[in-house]
Amino acid sequence: MASSSSVQTTFSASSLETTLPKSHLPDISIKLASNNYLLWKAQVLPVLRGYGLLGYVKDEVPCLESTIIGENGELQTNPAAAVWLRTDQLILGWINSSLSDGPLSQVINSESSHDAWQVLETLYGTHTRDRIQQIKGELQSLTKGTSSLEDYLQKAKALALSLCGAGKPMDDDEFIICILRGLGSEFDPIVAALNARDTFPSLEGIIGKLRDFEIRI
C-alpha cells in the first residue's frame, strides 16, 4: 500500500507541475472596482481556463496533505503539496494585482486563490447583479419630459454604456424600444411610423430620424 501511495503522489506532483504557468500571466487591463465585476470576470476567466488554473479558484483542485508516508513507511514531504501551494499563490498574487484598492482591501487576509475568489464573488457578484437590474429599470422608465432630445438621448446612452461596462450590453433593438417608449406625445407620429416597420433601421438611422422630426415640430 505504501508503494502504491508513493507512485500516486509522484504522478500527482508531475501532473500539477504541468499546470504551472511557464510565463508571466497576462496583465488585466481593467482592474476590478465596485461597479465592473462582470467586466473584470470576463477578462480573468479565459486566462484561468487557458492556463488550466480555473480549478484552483473553484476549489476543484483542493489543497493536498503536506506530508505522506513514503515507501520506507516514514513520513516525508509531499512534493505535490509544494507544487499546489506554489501554483495557488501565483494565482492569488495575479488576482490581487488585478484589483483596485477597494476590492484589494477586502481580500487582504485571503490565504488561497479560492478564498479570494469567494470573497470577490460574494461582495461584488451580488452587487453587480443588483446594479444591472437597477440600470435596466432606470433605462426602461426613462422619459424625455422637458429635456431636449439630445439630453434625453445622452442619458439613455449613458445608462446603456453602464450596462455594457457591467458585462451585460443591450442590443440595438432593445435600446431603440426603450428610447421610443420614453419620448413625449409630440413624437407619436414618428414613433408610430417606426414601430410599424417589420425591422428597425440602424440605431444611428433612428436617431437621425428623431432629430429631423424634432426640427419640424
N, C-alpha and C. Protein backbone atom coordinates (compact mmCIF):
# COMPACT_ATOMS: atom_id res chain seq x y z
N MET A 1 0.82 -1.21 0.00
CA MET A 1 0.00 0.00 0.00
C MET A 1 0.85 1.26 0.00
N ALA A 2 1.97 1.22 0.77
CA ALA A 2 2.85 2.39 0.83
C ALA A 2 3.45 2.69 -0.53
N SER A 3 3.84 1.62 -1.24
CA SER A 3 4.42 1.80 -2.57
C SER A 3 3.42 2.42 -3.53
N SER A 4 2.19 1.93 -3.49
CA SER A 4 1.14 2.46 -4.35
C SER A 4 0.90 3.92 -4.08
N SER A 5 0.90 4.29 -2.76
CA SER A 5 0.68 5.69 -2.37
C SER A 5 1.78 6.57 -2.91
N SER A 6 3.03 6.06 -2.83
CA SER A 6 4.16 6.86 -3.30
C SER A 6 4.10 7.11 -4.79
N VAL A 7 3.77 6.06 -5.56
CA VAL A 7 3.67 6.20 -7.02
C VAL A 7 2.59 7.20 -7.38
N GLN A 8 1.43 7.10 -6.68
CA GLN A 8 0.31 8.00 -6.96
C GLN A 8 0.69 9.44 -6.67
N THR A 9 1.42 9.66 -5.57
CA THR A 9 1.82 11.01 -5.19
C THR A 9 2.79 11.60 -6.20
N THR A 10 3.75 10.78 -6.66
CA THR A 10 4.70 11.26 -7.67
C THR A 10 3.98 11.67 -8.93
N PHE A 11 3.00 10.90 -9.34
CA PHE A 11 2.20 11.24 -10.52
C PHE A 11 1.45 12.54 -10.31
N SER A 12 0.89 12.73 -9.11
CA SER A 12 0.14 13.96 -8.84
C SER A 12 1.04 15.18 -8.91
N ALA A 13 2.25 15.06 -8.36
CA ALA A 13 3.18 16.19 -8.40
C ALA A 13 3.54 16.52 -9.83
N SER A 14 3.81 15.49 -10.64
CA SER A 14 4.15 15.70 -12.04
C SER A 14 3.00 16.37 -12.78
N SER A 15 1.77 15.90 -12.50
CA SER A 15 0.60 16.47 -13.18
C SER A 15 0.41 17.92 -12.81
N LEU A 16 0.60 18.24 -11.51
CA LEU A 16 0.43 19.62 -11.07
C LEU A 16 1.48 20.53 -11.68
N GLU A 17 2.69 20.00 -11.88
CA GLU A 17 3.75 20.82 -12.47
C GLU A 17 3.34 21.34 -13.84
N THR A 18 2.59 20.52 -14.57
CA THR A 18 2.19 20.93 -15.92
C THR A 18 1.22 22.09 -15.90
N THR A 19 0.56 22.33 -14.75
CA THR A 19 -0.40 23.44 -14.68
C THR A 19 0.28 24.76 -14.36
N LEU A 20 1.55 24.71 -13.90
CA LEU A 20 2.23 25.95 -13.57
C LEU A 20 2.46 26.77 -14.83
N PRO A 21 2.11 28.06 -14.80
CA PRO A 21 2.34 28.88 -15.98
C PRO A 21 3.83 28.96 -16.31
N LYS A 22 4.16 28.78 -17.57
CA LYS A 22 5.55 28.83 -17.99
C LYS A 22 6.03 30.25 -18.19
N SER A 23 5.13 31.18 -18.18
CA SER A 23 5.49 32.59 -18.30
C SER A 23 4.55 33.40 -17.43
N HIS A 24 4.85 34.68 -17.33
CA HIS A 24 4.03 35.57 -16.51
C HIS A 24 2.60 35.61 -17.03
N LEU A 25 1.62 35.45 -16.14
CA LEU A 25 0.22 35.55 -16.57
C LEU A 25 -0.03 36.95 -17.11
N PRO A 26 -0.83 37.07 -18.15
CA PRO A 26 -1.04 38.40 -18.76
C PRO A 26 -1.71 39.37 -17.80
N ASP A 27 -1.32 40.62 -17.91
CA ASP A 27 -1.92 41.66 -17.08
C ASP A 27 -3.38 41.86 -17.47
N ILE A 28 -4.19 42.20 -16.48
CA ILE A 28 -5.60 42.52 -16.71
C ILE A 28 -5.72 44.02 -16.91
N SER A 29 -6.25 44.43 -18.06
CA SER A 29 -6.25 45.86 -18.41
C SER A 29 -7.22 46.67 -17.56
N ILE A 30 -8.35 46.08 -17.20
CA ILE A 30 -9.35 46.81 -16.40
C ILE A 30 -9.40 46.19 -15.02
N LYS A 31 -8.95 46.92 -14.02
CA LYS A 31 -8.92 46.40 -12.66
C LYS A 31 -10.32 46.39 -12.05
N LEU A 32 -10.53 45.45 -11.16
CA LEU A 32 -11.84 45.33 -10.51
C LEU A 32 -12.10 46.53 -9.61
N ALA A 33 -13.27 47.14 -9.79
CA ALA A 33 -13.75 48.20 -8.92
C ALA A 33 -15.12 47.77 -8.40
N SER A 34 -15.81 48.67 -7.75
CA SER A 34 -17.09 48.30 -7.15
C SER A 34 -18.21 48.12 -8.16
N ASN A 35 -18.00 48.60 -9.40
CA ASN A 35 -19.11 48.61 -10.36
C ASN A 35 -18.82 47.89 -11.68
N ASN A 36 -17.77 47.06 -11.73
CA ASN A 36 -17.44 46.43 -13.01
C ASN A 36 -17.06 44.96 -12.84
N TYR A 37 -17.69 44.28 -11.90
CA TYR A 37 -17.32 42.89 -11.60
C TYR A 37 -17.42 41.97 -12.82
N LEU A 38 -18.51 42.05 -13.56
CA LEU A 38 -18.69 41.14 -14.69
C LEU A 38 -17.68 41.42 -15.79
N LEU A 39 -17.34 42.68 -15.99
CA LEU A 39 -16.34 43.03 -16.99
C LEU A 39 -14.98 42.49 -16.57
N TRP A 40 -14.64 42.64 -15.30
CA TRP A 40 -13.39 42.09 -14.76
C TRP A 40 -13.36 40.57 -14.89
N LYS A 41 -14.46 39.94 -14.51
CA LYS A 41 -14.54 38.47 -14.56
C LYS A 41 -14.40 37.96 -15.99
N ALA A 42 -14.93 38.72 -16.94
CA ALA A 42 -14.85 38.31 -18.35
C ALA A 42 -13.40 38.33 -18.85
N GLN A 43 -12.54 39.10 -18.21
CA GLN A 43 -11.12 39.11 -18.56
C GLN A 43 -10.36 37.99 -17.85
N VAL A 44 -10.74 37.73 -16.61
CA VAL A 44 -9.98 36.79 -15.77
C VAL A 44 -10.25 35.33 -16.14
N LEU A 45 -11.53 34.98 -16.36
CA LEU A 45 -11.88 33.57 -16.58
C LEU A 45 -11.17 32.95 -17.78
N PRO A 46 -11.12 33.61 -18.96
CA PRO A 46 -10.44 32.97 -20.09
C PRO A 46 -8.96 32.68 -19.82
N VAL A 47 -8.31 33.57 -19.07
CA VAL A 47 -6.89 33.34 -18.74
C VAL A 47 -6.75 32.11 -17.85
N LEU A 48 -7.60 32.04 -16.81
CA LEU A 48 -7.52 30.88 -15.91
C LEU A 48 -7.84 29.59 -16.65
N ARG A 49 -8.84 29.63 -17.53
CA ARG A 49 -9.17 28.43 -18.32
C ARG A 49 -8.01 28.07 -19.24
N GLY A 50 -7.46 29.07 -19.90
CA GLY A 50 -6.41 28.82 -20.87
C GLY A 50 -5.16 28.20 -20.26
N TYR A 51 -4.86 28.58 -19.02
CA TYR A 51 -3.70 28.03 -18.34
C TYR A 51 -4.04 26.79 -17.50
N GLY A 52 -5.31 26.36 -17.55
CA GLY A 52 -5.70 25.19 -16.78
C GLY A 52 -5.71 25.42 -15.28
N LEU A 53 -6.01 26.65 -14.86
CA LEU A 53 -5.92 27.01 -13.45
C LEU A 53 -7.27 27.30 -12.80
N LEU A 54 -8.34 27.20 -13.56
CA LEU A 54 -9.65 27.57 -13.02
C LEU A 54 -10.05 26.69 -11.84
N GLY A 55 -9.61 25.44 -11.84
CA GLY A 55 -9.96 24.53 -10.76
C GLY A 55 -9.46 24.99 -9.40
N TYR A 56 -8.40 25.78 -9.38
CA TYR A 56 -7.88 26.28 -8.10
C TYR A 56 -8.85 27.27 -7.47
N VAL A 57 -9.32 28.24 -8.24
CA VAL A 57 -10.21 29.26 -7.67
C VAL A 57 -11.60 28.68 -7.41
N LYS A 58 -11.97 27.62 -8.15
CA LYS A 58 -13.27 26.98 -7.96
C LYS A 58 -13.23 25.89 -6.89
N ASP A 59 -12.06 25.68 -6.29
CA ASP A 59 -11.86 24.65 -5.26
C ASP A 59 -12.08 23.25 -5.82
N GLU A 60 -11.80 23.08 -7.11
CA GLU A 60 -11.90 21.76 -7.73
C GLU A 60 -10.54 21.05 -7.73
N VAL A 61 -9.49 21.80 -7.39
CA VAL A 61 -8.16 21.21 -7.18
C VAL A 61 -7.78 21.52 -5.74
N PRO A 62 -8.25 20.71 -4.79
CA PRO A 62 -8.09 21.03 -3.37
C PRO A 62 -6.64 20.92 -2.90
N CYS A 63 -6.36 21.60 -1.80
CA CYS A 63 -5.04 21.55 -1.18
C CYS A 63 -4.73 20.11 -0.76
N LEU A 64 -3.48 19.71 -0.97
CA LEU A 64 -3.06 18.35 -0.64
C LEU A 64 -2.39 18.31 0.73
N GLU A 65 -2.33 17.11 1.30
CA GLU A 65 -1.64 16.93 2.57
C GLU A 65 -0.16 17.28 2.39
N SER A 66 0.39 17.97 3.39
CA SER A 66 1.79 18.41 3.28
C SER A 66 2.79 17.28 3.45
N THR A 67 2.38 16.20 4.12
CA THR A 67 3.27 15.05 4.31
C THR A 67 2.56 13.77 3.87
N ILE A 68 3.36 12.79 3.47
CA ILE A 68 2.84 11.49 3.06
C ILE A 68 3.72 10.39 3.65
N ILE A 69 3.26 9.20 3.62
CA ILE A 69 4.06 8.05 4.06
C ILE A 69 4.84 7.54 2.85
N GLY A 70 6.16 7.55 2.96
CA GLY A 70 7.00 7.12 1.86
C GLY A 70 7.07 5.62 1.73
N GLU A 71 7.86 5.16 0.77
CA GLU A 71 7.99 3.73 0.53
C GLU A 71 8.61 2.99 1.72
N ASN A 72 9.41 3.75 2.50
CA ASN A 72 10.03 3.14 3.68
C ASN A 72 9.13 3.18 4.91
N GLY A 73 7.89 3.66 4.72
CA GLY A 73 6.94 3.70 5.83
C GLY A 73 7.08 4.92 6.72
N GLU A 74 7.97 5.83 6.38
CA GLU A 74 8.18 7.03 7.19
C GLU A 74 7.53 8.25 6.53
N LEU A 75 7.20 9.25 7.39
CA LEU A 75 6.62 10.48 6.87
C LEU A 75 7.65 11.25 6.07
N GLN A 76 7.22 11.82 4.96
CA GLN A 76 8.09 12.66 4.16
C GLN A 76 7.28 13.78 3.54
N THR A 77 7.98 14.81 3.13
CA THR A 77 7.31 15.94 2.49
C THR A 77 6.62 15.50 1.22
N ASN A 78 5.40 15.98 1.02
CA ASN A 78 4.63 15.66 -0.19
C ASN A 78 5.00 16.65 -1.29
N PRO A 79 5.71 16.24 -2.34
CA PRO A 79 6.11 17.19 -3.39
C PRO A 79 4.92 17.79 -4.13
N ALA A 80 3.82 17.03 -4.23
CA ALA A 80 2.64 17.56 -4.92
C ALA A 80 2.03 18.72 -4.15
N ALA A 81 2.11 18.66 -2.80
CA ALA A 81 1.56 19.75 -1.99
C ALA A 81 2.36 21.02 -2.19
N ALA A 82 3.69 20.89 -2.32
CA ALA A 82 4.52 22.06 -2.54
C ALA A 82 4.21 22.71 -3.89
N VAL A 83 3.99 21.88 -4.91
CA VAL A 83 3.63 22.40 -6.23
C VAL A 83 2.26 23.08 -6.18
N TRP A 84 1.32 22.44 -5.48
CA TRP A 84 -0.02 23.03 -5.36
C TRP A 84 0.06 24.41 -4.72
N LEU A 85 0.80 24.51 -3.61
CA LEU A 85 0.90 25.78 -2.89
C LEU A 85 1.55 26.84 -3.77
N ARG A 86 2.59 26.46 -4.47
CA ARG A 86 3.27 27.41 -5.35
C ARG A 86 2.32 27.92 -6.43
N THR A 87 1.58 27.02 -7.05
CA THR A 87 0.64 27.41 -8.11
C THR A 87 -0.46 28.30 -7.56
N ASP A 88 -1.04 27.89 -6.44
CA ASP A 88 -2.15 28.64 -5.85
C ASP A 88 -1.72 30.05 -5.47
N GLN A 89 -0.52 30.20 -4.92
CA GLN A 89 -0.06 31.52 -4.51
C GLN A 89 0.24 32.41 -5.71
N LEU A 90 0.70 31.81 -6.80
CA LEU A 90 0.89 32.58 -8.03
C LEU A 90 -0.46 33.12 -8.54
N ILE A 91 -1.49 32.27 -8.48
CA ILE A 91 -2.83 32.70 -8.91
C ILE A 91 -3.34 33.80 -7.99
N LEU A 92 -3.18 33.61 -6.68
CA LEU A 92 -3.64 34.61 -5.71
C LEU A 92 -2.96 35.95 -5.96
N GLY A 93 -1.64 35.93 -6.15
CA GLY A 93 -0.93 37.17 -6.41
C GLY A 93 -1.38 37.84 -7.69
N TRP A 94 -1.65 37.03 -8.73
CA TRP A 94 -2.12 37.57 -10.00
C TRP A 94 -3.50 38.20 -9.85
N ILE A 95 -4.40 37.52 -9.14
CA ILE A 95 -5.73 38.08 -8.89
C ILE A 95 -5.61 39.40 -8.13
N ASN A 96 -4.79 39.41 -7.08
CA ASN A 96 -4.63 40.63 -6.29
C ASN A 96 -4.12 41.79 -7.14
N SER A 97 -3.25 41.48 -8.10
CA SER A 97 -2.70 42.55 -8.95
C SER A 97 -3.74 43.11 -9.91
N SER A 98 -4.87 42.42 -10.06
CA SER A 98 -5.92 42.89 -10.97
C SER A 98 -7.02 43.66 -10.24
N LEU A 99 -6.81 43.96 -8.96
CA LEU A 99 -7.82 44.63 -8.15
C LEU A 99 -7.43 46.07 -7.87
N SER A 100 -8.42 46.95 -7.84
CA SER A 100 -8.18 48.31 -7.38
C SER A 100 -8.13 48.30 -5.85
N ASP A 101 -7.85 49.44 -5.25
CA ASP A 101 -7.59 49.47 -3.80
C ASP A 101 -8.75 48.94 -2.97
N GLY A 102 -10.00 49.29 -3.34
CA GLY A 102 -11.15 48.86 -2.54
C GLY A 102 -11.29 47.35 -2.47
N PRO A 103 -11.41 46.66 -3.62
CA PRO A 103 -11.51 45.21 -3.59
C PRO A 103 -10.28 44.53 -2.99
N LEU A 104 -9.10 45.10 -3.22
CA LEU A 104 -7.88 44.50 -2.66
C LEU A 104 -7.92 44.49 -1.15
N SER A 105 -8.46 45.55 -0.57
CA SER A 105 -8.54 45.60 0.90
C SER A 105 -9.47 44.53 1.46
N GLN A 106 -10.40 44.05 0.63
CA GLN A 106 -11.34 43.03 1.09
C GLN A 106 -10.74 41.63 1.10
N VAL A 107 -9.70 41.41 0.32
CA VAL A 107 -9.10 40.06 0.23
C VAL A 107 -7.72 40.00 0.85
N ILE A 108 -7.36 41.03 1.59
CA ILE A 108 -6.00 41.11 2.12
C ILE A 108 -5.67 39.96 3.06
N ASN A 109 -6.68 39.37 3.69
CA ASN A 109 -6.45 38.25 4.60
C ASN A 109 -6.69 36.89 3.96
N SER A 110 -7.01 36.88 2.68
CA SER A 110 -7.25 35.60 1.98
C SER A 110 -5.93 34.88 1.77
N GLU A 111 -5.89 33.61 2.16
CA GLU A 111 -4.65 32.84 2.08
C GLU A 111 -4.58 31.95 0.84
N SER A 112 -5.67 31.81 0.13
CA SER A 112 -5.67 31.00 -1.09
C SER A 112 -6.45 31.71 -2.18
N SER A 113 -6.23 31.28 -3.41
CA SER A 113 -6.94 31.90 -4.53
C SER A 113 -8.44 31.63 -4.42
N HIS A 114 -8.82 30.47 -3.92
CA HIS A 114 -10.25 30.16 -3.75
C HIS A 114 -10.88 31.07 -2.71
N ASP A 115 -10.18 31.32 -1.60
CA ASP A 115 -10.71 32.22 -0.58
C ASP A 115 -10.97 33.61 -1.16
N ALA A 116 -9.99 34.13 -1.91
CA ALA A 116 -10.14 35.46 -2.50
C ALA A 116 -11.28 35.48 -3.50
N TRP A 117 -11.38 34.43 -4.32
CA TRP A 117 -12.43 34.35 -5.32
C TRP A 117 -13.81 34.37 -4.67
N GLN A 118 -13.96 33.64 -3.59
CA GLN A 118 -15.24 33.59 -2.89
C GLN A 118 -15.62 34.94 -2.31
N VAL A 119 -14.64 35.63 -1.75
CA VAL A 119 -14.89 36.97 -1.19
C VAL A 119 -15.35 37.92 -2.28
N LEU A 120 -14.65 37.92 -3.40
CA LEU A 120 -14.99 38.83 -4.50
C LEU A 120 -16.36 38.50 -5.10
N GLU A 121 -16.64 37.21 -5.26
CA GLU A 121 -17.94 36.78 -5.79
C GLU A 121 -19.07 37.21 -4.87
N THR A 122 -18.86 37.04 -3.57
CA THR A 122 -19.90 37.39 -2.60
C THR A 122 -20.13 38.89 -2.54
N LEU A 123 -19.04 39.67 -2.49
CA LEU A 123 -19.16 41.12 -2.32
C LEU A 123 -19.59 41.84 -3.59
N TYR A 124 -19.02 41.43 -4.73
CA TYR A 124 -19.23 42.20 -5.95
C TYR A 124 -20.13 41.51 -6.97
N GLY A 125 -20.22 40.18 -6.91
CA GLY A 125 -21.11 39.48 -7.83
C GLY A 125 -22.56 39.82 -7.56
N THR A 126 -22.96 39.75 -6.31
CA THR A 126 -24.34 40.09 -5.94
C THR A 126 -24.61 41.56 -6.18
N HIS A 127 -23.65 42.41 -5.83
CA HIS A 127 -23.80 43.86 -6.03
C HIS A 127 -23.99 44.16 -7.51
N THR A 128 -23.21 43.50 -8.36
CA THR A 128 -23.30 43.75 -9.80
C THR A 128 -24.66 43.36 -10.35
N ARG A 129 -25.17 42.20 -9.92
CA ARG A 129 -26.48 41.77 -10.40
C ARG A 129 -27.57 42.76 -9.98
N ASP A 130 -27.49 43.25 -8.76
CA ASP A 130 -28.46 44.24 -8.29
C ASP A 130 -28.34 45.53 -9.10
N ARG A 131 -27.10 45.94 -9.36
CA ARG A 131 -26.86 47.18 -10.11
C ARG A 131 -27.37 47.05 -11.54
N ILE A 132 -27.19 45.90 -12.16
CA ILE A 132 -27.69 45.68 -13.52
C ILE A 132 -29.20 45.83 -13.57
N GLN A 133 -29.88 45.23 -12.61
CA GLN A 133 -31.33 45.36 -12.57
C GLN A 133 -31.76 46.81 -12.36
N GLN A 134 -31.01 47.52 -11.54
CA GLN A 134 -31.32 48.93 -11.29
C GLN A 134 -31.16 49.76 -12.56
N ILE A 135 -30.05 49.55 -13.29
CA ILE A 135 -29.81 50.30 -14.52
C ILE A 135 -30.87 49.99 -15.56
N LYS A 136 -31.22 48.72 -15.70
CA LYS A 136 -32.26 48.34 -16.66
C LYS A 136 -33.57 49.01 -16.31
N GLY A 137 -33.90 49.05 -15.03
CA GLY A 137 -35.13 49.70 -14.59
C GLY A 137 -35.12 51.18 -14.91
N GLU A 138 -33.97 51.84 -14.69
CA GLU A 138 -33.84 53.27 -14.97
C GLU A 138 -33.99 53.54 -16.47
N LEU A 139 -33.40 52.67 -17.27
CA LEU A 139 -33.47 52.87 -18.72
C LEU A 139 -34.89 52.63 -19.24
N GLN A 140 -35.54 51.63 -18.73
CA GLN A 140 -36.89 51.31 -19.19
C GLN A 140 -37.92 52.34 -18.74
N SER A 141 -37.63 53.05 -17.65
CA SER A 141 -38.57 54.06 -17.15
C SER A 141 -38.16 55.49 -17.52
N LEU A 142 -37.03 55.63 -18.24
CA LEU A 142 -36.55 56.96 -18.61
C LEU A 142 -37.51 57.64 -19.57
N THR A 143 -37.81 58.90 -19.31
CA THR A 143 -38.68 59.68 -20.20
C THR A 143 -37.99 60.98 -20.58
N LYS A 144 -38.35 61.50 -21.74
CA LYS A 144 -37.76 62.74 -22.21
C LYS A 144 -38.22 63.91 -21.37
N GLY A 145 -39.50 63.95 -21.04
CA GLY A 145 -40.02 65.06 -20.25
C GLY A 145 -39.78 66.40 -20.92
N THR A 146 -39.23 67.35 -20.17
CA THR A 146 -38.96 68.68 -20.72
C THR A 146 -37.54 68.81 -21.25
N SER A 147 -36.78 67.72 -21.20
CA SER A 147 -35.40 67.76 -21.70
C SER A 147 -35.40 67.86 -23.22
N SER A 148 -34.28 68.34 -23.75
CA SER A 148 -34.13 68.33 -25.20
C SER A 148 -33.91 66.89 -25.65
N LEU A 149 -34.13 66.65 -26.94
CA LEU A 149 -33.91 65.31 -27.47
C LEU A 149 -32.47 64.87 -27.24
N GLU A 150 -31.52 65.78 -27.45
CA GLU A 150 -30.11 65.43 -27.29
C GLU A 150 -29.79 65.03 -25.84
N ASP A 151 -30.30 65.79 -24.89
CA ASP A 151 -30.07 65.47 -23.48
C ASP A 151 -30.68 64.11 -23.13
N TYR A 152 -31.87 63.88 -23.63
CA TYR A 152 -32.56 62.60 -23.38
C TYR A 152 -31.76 61.43 -23.94
N LEU A 153 -31.29 61.59 -25.17
CA LEU A 153 -30.52 60.51 -25.80
C LEU A 153 -29.20 60.28 -25.08
N GLN A 154 -28.58 61.35 -24.59
CA GLN A 154 -27.32 61.21 -23.86
C GLN A 154 -27.52 60.44 -22.56
N LYS A 155 -28.63 60.73 -21.86
CA LYS A 155 -28.93 59.99 -20.63
C LYS A 155 -29.15 58.51 -20.93
N ALA A 156 -29.89 58.24 -22.00
CA ALA A 156 -30.17 56.85 -22.37
C ALA A 156 -28.88 56.12 -22.76
N LYS A 157 -28.01 56.80 -23.53
CA LYS A 157 -26.75 56.18 -23.94
C LYS A 157 -25.85 55.92 -22.74
N ALA A 158 -25.85 56.83 -21.77
CA ALA A 158 -25.02 56.66 -20.57
C ALA A 158 -25.45 55.43 -19.79
N LEU A 159 -26.75 55.21 -19.68
CA LEU A 159 -27.26 54.02 -18.98
C LEU A 159 -26.91 52.76 -19.75
N ALA A 160 -27.02 52.82 -21.08
CA ALA A 160 -26.67 51.65 -21.90
C ALA A 160 -25.19 51.32 -21.78
N LEU A 161 -24.35 52.35 -21.71
CA LEU A 161 -22.91 52.14 -21.54
C LEU A 161 -22.60 51.53 -20.18
N SER A 162 -23.37 51.93 -19.17
CA SER A 162 -23.18 51.35 -17.83
C SER A 162 -23.49 49.86 -17.85
N LEU A 163 -24.53 49.47 -18.58
CA LEU A 163 -24.84 48.05 -18.71
C LEU A 163 -23.71 47.31 -19.43
N CYS A 164 -23.18 47.93 -20.46
CA CYS A 164 -22.07 47.32 -21.19
C CYS A 164 -20.87 47.16 -20.28
N GLY A 165 -20.59 48.18 -19.47
CA GLY A 165 -19.47 48.12 -18.53
C GLY A 165 -19.64 47.05 -17.48
N ALA A 166 -20.89 46.71 -17.16
CA ALA A 166 -21.17 45.66 -16.19
C ALA A 166 -21.19 44.28 -16.84
N GLY A 167 -20.90 44.24 -18.14
CA GLY A 167 -20.84 42.96 -18.83
C GLY A 167 -22.16 42.47 -19.40
N LYS A 168 -23.18 43.34 -19.43
CA LYS A 168 -24.49 42.96 -19.95
C LYS A 168 -24.95 43.97 -20.99
N PRO A 169 -24.30 44.02 -22.15
CA PRO A 169 -24.67 45.00 -23.17
C PRO A 169 -26.09 44.77 -23.68
N MET A 170 -26.76 45.87 -24.00
CA MET A 170 -28.12 45.81 -24.54
C MET A 170 -28.04 45.87 -26.06
N ASP A 171 -28.79 45.00 -26.75
CA ASP A 171 -28.73 45.05 -28.21
C ASP A 171 -29.47 46.28 -28.72
N ASP A 172 -29.18 46.65 -29.97
CA ASP A 172 -29.70 47.91 -30.52
C ASP A 172 -31.22 47.97 -30.53
N ASP A 173 -31.89 46.87 -30.92
CA ASP A 173 -33.35 46.88 -30.98
C ASP A 173 -33.97 47.13 -29.60
N GLU A 174 -33.40 46.50 -28.58
CA GLU A 174 -33.92 46.69 -27.23
C GLU A 174 -33.72 48.14 -26.78
N PHE A 175 -32.57 48.71 -27.14
CA PHE A 175 -32.29 50.09 -26.78
C PHE A 175 -33.22 51.04 -27.53
N ILE A 176 -33.46 50.76 -28.80
CA ILE A 176 -34.37 51.59 -29.61
C ILE A 176 -35.77 51.58 -29.00
N ILE A 177 -36.24 50.42 -28.60
CA ILE A 177 -37.57 50.31 -27.99
C ILE A 177 -37.65 51.18 -26.74
N CYS A 178 -36.57 51.18 -25.95
CA CYS A 178 -36.55 51.98 -24.71
C CYS A 178 -36.64 53.47 -25.02
N ILE A 179 -35.85 53.93 -25.99
CA ILE A 179 -35.86 55.38 -26.25
C ILE A 179 -37.15 55.82 -26.92
N LEU A 180 -37.74 54.98 -27.76
CA LEU A 180 -39.01 55.35 -28.39
C LEU A 180 -40.12 55.41 -27.35
N ARG A 181 -40.06 54.50 -26.39
CA ARG A 181 -41.10 54.46 -25.36
C ARG A 181 -41.08 55.72 -24.50
N GLY A 182 -39.91 56.30 -24.30
CA GLY A 182 -39.81 57.44 -23.39
C GLY A 182 -40.01 58.80 -24.01
N LEU A 183 -40.20 58.84 -25.33
CA LEU A 183 -40.43 60.13 -25.99
C LEU A 183 -41.82 60.67 -25.65
N GLY A 184 -41.96 61.99 -25.67
CA GLY A 184 -43.25 62.60 -25.36
C GLY A 184 -44.26 62.40 -26.47
N SER A 185 -45.50 62.80 -26.19
CA SER A 185 -46.59 62.59 -27.15
C SER A 185 -46.37 63.34 -28.46
N GLU A 186 -45.55 64.41 -28.42
CA GLU A 186 -45.29 65.15 -29.65
C GLU A 186 -44.52 64.31 -30.68
N PHE A 187 -43.92 63.23 -30.22
CA PHE A 187 -43.18 62.33 -31.12
C PHE A 187 -44.02 61.14 -31.57
N ASP A 188 -45.28 61.10 -31.19
CA ASP A 188 -46.13 59.95 -31.51
C ASP A 188 -46.16 59.60 -32.99
N PRO A 189 -46.23 60.58 -33.91
CA PRO A 189 -46.28 60.21 -35.34
C PRO A 189 -45.04 59.44 -35.80
N ILE A 190 -43.86 59.92 -35.44
CA ILE A 190 -42.64 59.24 -35.88
C ILE A 190 -42.47 57.91 -35.17
N VAL A 191 -42.86 57.85 -33.89
CA VAL A 191 -42.76 56.59 -33.13
C VAL A 191 -43.68 55.54 -33.76
N ALA A 192 -44.92 55.96 -34.11
CA ALA A 192 -45.86 55.02 -34.72
C ALA A 192 -45.33 54.52 -36.06
N ALA A 193 -44.73 55.42 -36.83
CA ALA A 193 -44.20 55.03 -38.14
C ALA A 193 -43.05 54.04 -37.99
N LEU A 194 -42.19 54.26 -37.02
CA LEU A 194 -41.05 53.36 -36.81
C LEU A 194 -41.50 52.01 -36.27
N ASN A 195 -42.46 52.03 -35.37
CA ASN A 195 -42.96 50.77 -34.79
C ASN A 195 -43.72 49.95 -35.83
N ALA A 196 -44.23 50.60 -36.87
CA ALA A 196 -44.99 49.88 -37.91
C ALA A 196 -44.08 49.10 -38.85
N ARG A 197 -42.81 49.37 -38.82
CA ARG A 197 -41.87 48.66 -39.69
C ARG A 197 -41.66 47.23 -39.21
N ASP A 198 -41.33 46.36 -40.15
CA ASP A 198 -41.01 44.98 -39.78
C ASP A 198 -39.72 44.90 -38.98
N THR A 199 -38.75 45.72 -39.37
CA THR A 199 -37.49 45.79 -38.63
C THR A 199 -37.10 47.26 -38.48
N PHE A 200 -36.41 47.56 -37.40
CA PHE A 200 -35.96 48.93 -37.20
C PHE A 200 -34.77 49.23 -38.10
N PRO A 201 -34.60 50.49 -38.48
CA PRO A 201 -33.34 50.90 -39.10
C PRO A 201 -32.22 50.78 -38.06
N SER A 202 -31.02 51.12 -38.46
CA SER A 202 -29.91 51.10 -37.51
C SER A 202 -30.16 52.12 -36.40
N LEU A 203 -29.45 51.98 -35.30
CA LEU A 203 -29.61 52.92 -34.19
C LEU A 203 -29.32 54.34 -34.63
N GLU A 204 -28.24 54.52 -35.39
CA GLU A 204 -27.92 55.86 -35.88
C GLU A 204 -28.99 56.38 -36.83
N GLY A 205 -29.57 55.47 -37.61
CA GLY A 205 -30.66 55.86 -38.51
C GLY A 205 -31.88 56.33 -37.73
N ILE A 206 -32.21 55.62 -36.67
CA ILE A 206 -33.33 56.01 -35.80
C ILE A 206 -33.09 57.38 -35.19
N ILE A 207 -31.89 57.58 -34.66
CA ILE A 207 -31.56 58.86 -34.01
C ILE A 207 -31.63 60.00 -35.03
N GLY A 208 -31.15 59.73 -36.25
CA GLY A 208 -31.22 60.75 -37.29
C GLY A 208 -32.66 61.12 -37.63
N LYS A 209 -33.54 60.15 -37.71
CA LYS A 209 -34.95 60.41 -38.00
C LYS A 209 -35.60 61.21 -36.86
N LEU A 210 -35.24 60.88 -35.62
CA LEU A 210 -35.80 61.62 -34.49
C LEU A 210 -35.34 63.07 -34.50
N ARG A 211 -34.08 63.29 -34.83
CA ARG A 211 -33.56 64.66 -34.90
C ARG A 211 -34.26 65.44 -36.00
N ASP A 212 -34.44 64.81 -37.15
CA ASP A 212 -35.14 65.50 -38.25
C ASP A 212 -36.57 65.83 -37.86
N PHE A 213 -37.24 64.89 -37.18
CA PHE A 213 -38.61 65.12 -36.77
C PHE A 213 -38.69 66.27 -35.76
N GLU A 214 -37.72 66.32 -34.83
CA GLU A 214 -37.74 67.38 -33.79
C GLU A 214 -37.64 68.75 -34.44
N ILE A 215 -36.87 68.86 -35.52
CA ILE A 215 -36.73 70.15 -36.20
C ILE A 215 -38.07 70.63 -36.76
N ARG A 216 -38.90 69.68 -37.18
CA ARG A 216 -40.17 70.03 -37.84
C ARG A 216 -41.32 70.29 -36.86
N ILE A 217 -41.14 69.97 -35.57
CA ILE A 217 -42.25 70.18 -34.64
C ILE A 217 -42.07 71.48 -33.85
